[in-house]
Amino acid sequence: MSVTQPADETPTAPEHGPRGERAQDTTVGEVELTRWHTRIGHWMASFARWLADTVGPYGTLLLTLAIGAAIAGLLSVAAVLVYDAVTDQDGVAGIDRPLLDAILTIRNPAVDPYITSFTDLAGTIGMPLVAIAALLILSIRRRSWTPVVLIVAAGGGSLLMTIAGKVLIGRERPPLSDAVPPYEVSASFPSGHTLNAVAILGVIAYLLVLRRQSNAARAAIIAVAVIATIFVAGSRVYLGHHWVTDVIAGWALGAAWLALVITAHRLYLTSRLRRDEHRAVA
């Protein structure tokens, strides 16, 4: 027996128990992640259901992530074009040197090692370790490959966006005389530490929020993730490893990629409902 749904809404997921695993995955509080309320949302949901009939839910997730990666690449190029435009006219980047000069007046050698240790957590060693630990714990506890796919996608996409920005811009970092060792020699734009922290910590927070029923717990998780990424961004400027516009760009690109990854997951959830509907009818 099938249940008729309103034409403009995606059907809700069946629950396994009072707050079953499927319900936890598809809702955040009162928000149903498989419901799409905009015209483009309805179009994407229809596309996801069509993909589910063709390649299955996980195939839908991988394909939508690939499409998202292409969009992220275009965003990186757009960021480069905007950056070139404002720096050529001494626009936004005009705050870089004055802000660094102000930081030099308050920098404390006794504090520098602690800030360096903190920023290393978001570096090429620290952040991959955080990502690996999170995907192992979450995938084992959930008995699902979804955390692995989402965290790897968040990290891999942010890395590619960082490389693309550095290659296309090739901006020099602040002078070594203004930086705290150990020095870094790669291009300055965008801040890879910031971009990776926003994408990876953001998707981990998203996965944790999905399994929290308390509004306070969800708010606390989001607040910790946001504050941590802001501290990472601030530490890069404080240590003289990046200009402030580098970290602003990194934060914006990381947030954009995170939004694309979350959207891909929502489309996966929508396509999974399509499979469950077919099984129920059969």
Protein backbone atom coordinates (compact mmCIF):
# COMPACT_ATOMS: atom_id res chain seq x y z
CA MET A 1 0.00 0.00 0.00
CA SER A 2 1.51 3.34 -0.99
CA VAL A 3 0.89 6.72 0.63
CA THR A 4 0.13 9.69 -1.60
CA GLN A 5 2.37 12.69 -0.91
CA PRO A 6 1.74 16.34 -1.78
CA ALA A 7 3.14 17.10 -5.21
CA ASP A 8 5.45 19.87 -3.98
CA GLU A 9 7.09 18.01 -1.09
CA THR A 10 9.55 15.18 -0.73
CA PRO A 11 8.15 12.35 1.46
CA THR A 12 9.59 11.98 4.92
CA ALA A 13 11.75 9.02 5.84
CA PRO A 14 10.43 6.04 7.78
CA GLU A 15 11.75 5.78 11.32
CA HIS A 16 13.42 2.73 12.80
CA GLY A 17 12.30 3.06 16.42
CA PRO A 18 11.17 6.26 18.18
CA ARG A 19 14.16 8.19 16.91
CA GLY A 20 15.64 5.68 14.53
CA GLU A 21 18.90 5.98 12.65
CA ARG A 22 17.20 7.06 9.45
CA ALA A 23 15.25 9.82 11.18
CA GLN A 24 18.41 11.07 12.90
CA ASP A 25 20.18 11.28 9.57
CA THR A 26 17.41 13.14 7.78
CA THR A 27 16.37 15.70 10.38
CA VAL A 28 18.01 18.49 12.33
CA GLY A 29 15.54 19.41 15.02
CA GLU A 30 12.30 20.21 13.22
CA VAL A 31 14.05 20.68 9.88
CA GLU A 32 13.57 17.82 7.42
CA LEU A 33 16.66 17.67 5.22
CA THR A 34 14.86 15.85 2.42
CA ARG A 35 12.28 18.62 1.99
CA TRP A 36 13.14 21.30 -0.57
CA HIS A 37 11.25 24.57 -0.47
CA THR A 38 12.67 26.49 -3.42
CA ARG A 39 12.30 26.01 -7.16
CA ILE A 40 15.96 25.09 -7.61
CA GLY A 41 15.68 22.79 -4.59
CA HIS A 42 12.76 20.92 -6.17
CA TRP A 43 14.73 20.65 -9.40
CA MET A 44 17.77 19.22 -7.58
CA ALA A 45 15.58 16.79 -5.65
CA SER A 46 14.01 15.56 -8.90
CA PHE A 47 17.47 15.16 -10.38
CA ALA A 48 18.60 13.20 -7.31
CA ARG A 49 15.59 10.87 -7.51
CA TRP A 50 16.29 10.27 -11.20
CA LEU A 51 19.93 9.48 -10.39
CA ALA A 52 18.81 7.12 -7.61
CA ASP A 53 16.81 5.12 -10.15
CA THR A 54 19.89 4.94 -12.37
CA VAL A 55 22.98 4.59 -10.15
CA GLY A 56 21.60 4.20 -6.63
CA PRO A 57 21.94 6.48 -3.57
CA TYR A 58 25.72 6.24 -3.16
CA GLY A 59 26.22 6.75 -6.86
CA THR A 60 24.06 9.86 -6.52
CA LEU A 61 26.23 11.09 -3.65
CA LEU A 62 29.46 10.60 -5.60
CA LEU A 63 28.11 12.19 -8.78
CA THR A 64 26.70 15.22 -6.97
CA LEU A 65 30.01 15.65 -5.14
CA ALA A 66 31.78 15.57 -8.51
CA ILE A 67 29.42 18.23 -9.82
CA GLY A 68 30.02 20.21 -6.63
CA ALA A 69 33.77 19.93 -7.17
CA ALA A 70 33.37 21.45 -10.63
CA ILE A 71 31.34 24.29 -9.12
CA ALA A 72 34.00 24.76 -6.44
CA GLY A 73 36.63 25.01 -9.17
CA LEU A 74 34.63 27.78 -10.82
CA LEU A 75 34.32 29.52 -7.45
CA SER A 76 38.09 29.39 -7.07
CA VAL A 77 38.56 30.99 -10.48
CA ALA A 78 35.95 33.62 -9.63
CA ALA A 79 37.74 34.37 -6.35
CA VAL A 80 40.97 34.85 -8.26
CA LEU A 81 39.33 37.27 -10.69
CA VAL A 82 37.74 39.26 -7.88
CA TYR A 83 40.99 39.30 -5.96
CA ASP A 84 42.91 40.56 -8.97
CA ALA A 85 40.34 43.30 -9.51
CA VAL A 86 40.41 44.67 -5.97
CA THR A 87 44.18 44.44 -5.53
CA ASP A 88 44.84 46.15 -8.86
CA GLN A 89 42.81 49.08 -7.56
CA ASP A 90 44.30 49.01 -4.04
CA GLY A 91 40.91 48.02 -2.72
CA VAL A 92 40.35 45.33 -0.07
CA ALA A 93 44.02 44.42 0.10
CA GLY A 94 44.73 47.94 1.32
CA ILE A 95 43.95 46.71 4.84
CA ASP A 96 46.63 44.01 4.75
CA ARG A 97 49.75 46.02 5.56
CA PRO A 98 48.15 48.33 8.16
CA LEU A 99 46.62 45.38 10.00
CA LEU A 100 49.89 43.46 10.08
CA ASP A 101 51.68 46.57 11.35
CA ALA A 102 49.12 46.83 14.15
CA ILE A 103 49.66 43.16 15.06
CA LEU A 104 53.42 43.67 15.23
CA THR A 105 52.89 46.19 18.02
CA ILE A 106 51.02 43.69 20.22
CA ARG A 107 52.84 40.44 19.34
CA ASN A 108 54.24 38.73 22.44
CA PRO A 109 57.22 36.35 22.06
CA ALA A 110 56.06 34.44 25.13
CA VAL A 111 52.71 33.68 23.48
CA ASP A 112 54.01 32.96 19.95
CA PRO A 113 54.95 29.27 20.58
CA TYR A 114 51.45 28.48 21.87
CA ILE A 115 49.77 30.11 18.88
CA THR A 116 52.16 28.29 16.56
CA SER A 117 51.25 24.97 18.20
CA PHE A 118 47.56 25.76 17.80
CA THR A 119 47.83 26.74 14.14
CA ASP A 120 49.81 23.55 13.45
CA LEU A 121 46.66 21.59 14.34
CA ALA A 122 45.15 22.95 11.13
CA GLY A 123 48.28 22.28 9.08
CA THR A 124 49.35 19.55 6.69
CA ILE A 125 49.83 17.05 9.52
CA GLY A 126 47.36 18.11 12.19
CA MET A 127 44.22 18.51 10.10
CA PRO A 128 44.59 15.19 8.23
CA LEU A 129 44.97 13.45 11.61
CA VAL A 130 41.81 15.16 12.87
CA ALA A 131 39.97 14.15 9.69
CA ILE A 132 41.14 10.52 9.84
CA ALA A 133 40.24 10.18 13.52
CA ALA A 134 36.79 11.68 12.92
CA LEU A 135 35.96 9.55 9.89
CA LEU A 136 37.09 6.36 11.64
CA ILE A 137 35.10 7.06 14.81
CA LEU A 138 31.97 8.26 13.02
CA SER A 139 31.95 5.54 10.35
CA ILE A 140 32.47 2.77 12.91
CA ARG A 141 29.82 4.11 15.29
CA ARG A 142 27.33 4.60 12.46
CA ARG A 143 28.36 1.45 10.58
CA SER A 144 28.23 3.57 7.44
CA TRP A 145 30.57 4.77 4.70
CA THR A 146 28.84 8.16 4.56
CA PRO A 147 31.16 9.91 7.08
CA VAL A 148 34.18 8.61 5.15
CA VAL A 149 32.85 9.92 1.84
CA LEU A 150 31.84 13.33 3.22
CA ILE A 151 35.03 13.99 5.21
CA VAL A 152 37.30 12.81 2.40
CA ALA A 153 35.34 14.95 -0.05
CA ALA A 154 35.56 18.00 2.24
CA GLY A 155 39.29 17.57 2.74
CA GLY A 156 40.12 16.66 -0.85
CA GLY A 157 38.07 19.49 -2.31
CA SER A 158 39.53 22.09 0.05
CA LEU A 159 43.05 20.90 -0.80
CA LEU A 160 42.40 21.21 -4.54
CA MET A 161 40.90 24.68 -4.08
CA THR A 162 43.95 25.74 -2.06
CA ILE A 163 46.36 24.49 -4.71
CA ALA A 164 44.38 26.13 -7.51
CA GLY A 165 44.32 29.49 -5.75
CA LYS A 166 48.02 29.42 -4.95
CA VAL A 167 48.98 28.47 -8.50
CA LEU A 168 46.69 31.01 -10.18
CA ILE A 169 47.57 33.93 -7.90
CA GLY A 170 51.09 33.17 -6.70
CA ARG A 171 50.89 35.94 -4.09
CA GLU A 172 53.91 36.47 -1.86
CA ARG A 173 53.53 36.03 1.87
CA PRO A 174 54.32 38.83 4.32
CA PRO A 175 58.07 39.51 4.64
CA LEU A 176 59.97 36.96 6.71
CA SER A 177 61.10 39.78 8.96
CA ASP A 178 57.46 40.20 10.01
CA ALA A 179 56.73 36.49 10.47
CA VAL A 180 57.19 34.09 13.38
CA PRO A 181 59.30 31.00 12.55
CA PRO A 182 59.07 28.33 11.30
CA TYR A 183 58.67 30.17 8.01
CA GLU A 184 56.49 29.05 5.11
CA VAL A 185 57.44 29.51 1.48
CA SER A 186 54.37 28.50 -0.53
CA ALA A 187 52.13 31.11 -2.12
CA SER A 188 50.03 33.12 0.31
CA PHE A 189 46.57 33.20 -1.34
CA PRO A 190 44.35 31.63 -0.14
CA SER A 191 45.10 30.50 3.40
CA GLY A 192 45.09 26.72 3.15
CA HIS A 193 44.96 26.31 6.93
CA THR A 194 41.79 28.40 7.07
CA LEU A 195 40.12 26.84 4.03
CA ASN A 196 40.81 23.28 5.20
CA ALA A 197 39.72 24.02 8.78
CA VAL A 198 36.38 25.47 7.65
CA ALA A 199 35.65 22.59 5.28
CA ILE A 200 36.79 19.69 7.49
CA LEU A 201 35.70 20.96 10.91
CA GLY A 202 32.47 22.15 9.30
CA VAL A 203 31.56 18.75 7.87
CA ILE A 204 32.51 17.00 11.13
CA ALA A 205 30.25 19.42 13.02
CA TYR A 206 27.47 18.73 10.50
CA LEU A 207 27.75 14.98 11.02
CA LEU A 208 27.70 15.43 14.80
CA VAL A 209 24.70 17.76 14.66
CA LEU A 210 22.72 15.13 12.74
CA ARG A 211 22.85 12.84 15.77
CA ARG A 212 22.04 15.41 18.46
CA GLN A 213 18.45 15.90 19.59
CA SER A 214 19.08 18.86 21.88
CA ASN A 215 19.07 22.37 20.44
CA ALA A 216 21.69 23.37 23.02
CA ALA A 217 23.99 20.52 21.97
CA ARG A 218 23.64 21.39 18.29
CA ALA A 219 24.30 25.07 18.99
CA ALA A 220 27.36 24.20 21.08
CA ILE A 221 28.84 22.01 18.33
CA ILE A 222 28.34 24.69 15.69
CA ALA A 223 29.75 27.39 17.99
CA VAL A 224 32.89 25.35 18.73
CA ALA A 225 33.48 24.71 15.01
CA VAL A 226 32.98 28.37 14.06
CA ILE A 227 35.18 29.68 16.88
CA ALA A 228 37.92 27.16 16.08
CA THR A 229 38.02 28.21 12.43
CA ILE A 230 38.07 31.90 13.38
CA PHE A 231 40.99 31.24 15.73
CA VAL A 232 42.83 29.36 12.98
CA ALA A 233 42.31 32.28 10.60
CA GLY A 234 43.40 34.80 13.23
CA SER A 235 46.50 32.81 14.12
CA ARG A 236 47.68 32.86 10.49
CA VAL A 237 47.55 36.65 10.41
CA TYR A 238 48.97 37.05 13.93
CA LEU A 239 52.01 34.91 13.07
CA GLY A 240 52.62 36.86 9.86
CA HIS A 241 52.13 33.78 7.66
CA HIS A 242 49.26 35.30 5.68
CA TRP A 243 47.71 38.63 4.85
CA VAL A 244 44.21 39.15 6.22
CA THR A 245 42.65 38.99 2.74
CA ASP A 246 44.18 35.53 2.33
CA VAL A 247 42.33 34.21 5.36
CA ILE A 248 39.09 35.98 4.41
CA ALA A 249 39.24 34.29 1.00
CA GLY A 250 40.10 30.95 2.60
CA TRP A 251 37.15 31.22 4.99
CA ALA A 252 34.73 32.15 2.20
CA LEU A 253 35.91 29.38 -0.15
CA GLY A 254 35.86 26.82 2.65
CA ALA A 255 32.31 27.79 3.59
CA ALA A 256 31.20 27.57 -0.04
CA TRP A 257 32.69 24.10 -0.46
CA LEU A 258 31.16 22.98 2.86
CA ALA A 259 27.74 24.15 1.65
CA LEU A 260 28.17 22.13 -1.54
CA VAL A 261 29.17 18.99 0.38
CA ILE A 262 26.17 19.32 2.70
CA THR A 263 23.87 19.86 -0.28
CA ALA A 264 25.27 16.71 -1.90
CA HIS A 265 24.52 14.78 1.29
CA ARG A 266 20.96 16.12 1.39
CA LEU A 267 20.48 14.98 -2.20
CA TYR A 268 21.84 11.56 -1.21
CA LEU A 269 19.27 11.37 1.60
CA THR A 270 16.55 12.37 -0.87
CA SER A 271 17.64 9.69 -3.34
CA ARG A 272 17.77 7.08 -0.57
CA LEU A 273 14.11 7.79 0.18
CA ARG A 274 13.40 7.11 -3.49
CA ARG A 275 14.96 3.65 -3.13
CA ASP A 276 12.99 2.97 0.05
CA GLU A 277 9.75 4.00 -1.66
CA HIS A 278 10.39 1.54 -4.49
CA ARG A 279 11.10 -1.25 -1.99
CA ALA A 280 7.93 -0.44 -0.04
CA VAL A 281 5.83 -0.58 -3.23
CA ALA A 282 7.45 -3.83 -4.29
